[in-house]
Protein backbone atom coordinates (compact mmCIF):
# COMPACT_ATOMS: atom_id res chain seq x y z
CA MET A 1 11.87 -20.08 -22.45
CA LEU A 2 10.62 -16.36 -21.40
CA ARG A 3 9.69 -13.85 -23.62
CA ALA A 4 8.44 -10.08 -22.27
CA ALA A 5 7.56 -7.63 -24.94
CA LYS A 6 7.43 -3.24 -23.83
CA PHE A 7 4.73 -1.05 -24.53
CA ARG A 8 4.78 2.52 -24.04
CA ILE A 9 1.09 3.70 -23.09
CA TYR A 10 -0.23 7.76 -23.73
CA PRO A 11 -3.12 8.06 -21.61
CA THR A 12 -5.39 10.85 -22.13
CA ALA A 13 -5.35 13.77 -19.70
CA ALA A 14 -8.41 12.52 -17.69
CA GLN A 15 -6.41 9.25 -17.45
CA GLU A 16 -2.88 10.32 -16.64
CA ALA A 17 -4.78 12.41 -13.49
CA PHE A 18 -7.25 9.08 -12.70
CA LEU A 19 -3.63 6.88 -12.57
CA TRP A 20 -1.85 9.81 -10.59
CA ALA A 21 -4.31 9.92 -7.87
CA GLN A 22 -4.75 5.84 -7.93
CA TRP A 23 -0.98 5.89 -6.73
CA GLY A 24 -1.37 8.37 -4.55
CA ALA A 25 -4.25 6.38 -3.18
CA VAL A 26 -1.72 3.13 -2.94
CA ARG A 27 1.06 5.88 -1.10
CA LYS A 28 -1.82 6.52 1.29
CA CYS A 29 -2.44 2.85 2.15
CA TRP A 30 1.20 1.70 2.47
CA ASN A 31 1.92 4.82 4.96
CA MET A 32 -0.97 3.94 6.89
CA ALA A 33 0.26 0.43 7.04
CA LEU A 34 3.24 1.48 8.46
CA PHE A 35 2.48 3.99 10.63
CA LEU A 36 0.05 1.44 12.52
CA LYS A 37 2.88 -1.66 12.13
CA LYS A 38 5.34 0.66 13.85
CA HIS A 39 2.92 2.76 16.57
CA TYR A 40 1.82 -0.87 17.78
CA TYR A 41 4.65 -1.90 17.85
CA ARG A 42 6.29 0.87 19.81
CA THR A 43 3.43 1.59 22.19
CA ARG A 44 2.12 -1.70 22.87
CA CYS A 45 5.00 -4.59 21.85
CA VAL A 46 2.42 -6.51 19.92
CA SER A 47 3.75 -7.08 16.38
CA LEU A 48 0.74 -6.99 13.90
CA ASP A 49 0.32 -9.24 11.08
CA LEU A 50 -0.09 -6.94 7.96
CA ILE A 51 -1.94 -9.70 6.11
CA HIS A 52 -4.64 -10.85 8.89
CA GLU A 53 -5.03 -7.47 10.70
CA ILE A 54 -4.25 -4.42 8.68
CA LYS A 55 -5.54 -5.57 5.53
CA PRO A 56 -8.95 -5.62 6.65
CA LEU A 57 -9.11 -2.20 7.61
CA ILE A 58 -9.20 -0.91 4.08
CA ALA A 59 -12.42 -1.92 3.81
CA ARG A 60 -13.51 -0.41 6.98
CA ALA A 61 -11.49 2.79 5.86
CA LYS A 62 -13.56 2.86 2.88
CA LYS A 63 -16.60 2.97 5.21
CA SER A 64 -15.56 5.72 7.29
CA LYS A 65 -16.51 9.12 6.09
CA LYS A 66 -12.69 10.41 6.31
CA TYR A 67 -11.47 7.92 3.82
CA ALA A 68 -14.65 7.52 1.79
CA TRP A 69 -12.40 8.82 -1.15
CA LEU A 70 -10.87 5.52 -1.16
CA ARG A 71 -13.73 3.92 -2.60
CA GLU A 72 -12.96 5.85 -6.26
CA TYR A 73 -9.79 3.55 -6.30
CA ASP A 74 -9.27 -0.02 -7.33
CA SER A 75 -9.18 -2.50 -4.20
CA MET A 76 -6.70 -4.72 -5.67
CA ALA A 77 -4.10 -2.25 -5.90
CA LEU A 78 -4.73 -0.82 -2.21
CA GLN A 79 -4.37 -4.29 -1.01
CA GLU A 80 -1.14 -5.16 -2.92
CA SER A 81 0.43 -2.09 -1.42
CA VAL A 82 -0.31 -3.74 2.17
CA ARG A 83 1.16 -7.21 0.72
CA ASN A 84 4.23 -5.78 -0.84
CA LEU A 85 5.00 -3.89 2.93
CA ASN A 86 4.85 -7.57 3.89
CA LYS A 87 7.59 -7.98 1.59
CA GLY A 88 9.38 -5.49 2.59
CA TYR A 89 9.00 -6.34 6.02
CA ARG A 90 10.47 -10.26 5.57
CA ALA A 91 13.16 -8.85 3.30
CA PHE A 92 14.39 -6.35 6.39
CA PHE A 93 13.98 -9.49 8.68
CA GLU A 94 16.05 -12.06 6.51
CA GLY A 95 19.05 -8.81 6.13
CA ARG A 96 18.01 -8.97 2.44
CA ALA A 97 16.70 -4.94 2.57
CA GLY A 98 16.86 -2.14 4.46
CA PHE A 99 13.82 -1.18 6.87
CA PRO A 100 10.66 -0.17 4.36
CA HIS A 101 10.30 3.74 5.29
CA TYR A 102 7.11 6.06 4.33
CA LYS A 103 6.53 6.57 0.67
CA SER A 104 6.34 11.04 -0.55
CA CYS A 105 5.53 12.11 -4.06
């Protein structure tokens, strides 16, 4: 038998600010991965593998000066956004969902 429980959390102001920033970083990784996949397909007719070719770019982005702010956030959440994008692509090509789109606030 499956059981579930619902919990309501009441974060402090600092925790709430961190959560909003974390979700923003996840959204940025999703949008960057989607842009790269679409761009490479449009310009070079190459379909990049999200898991093996784009996910490692998150670690490289954290080392760059432009995206050094990503170091402050959970790497597992950032990688999970790329995995979720991969699931979205699979669902689209199987006919179960629409094409993945860019995320906004």
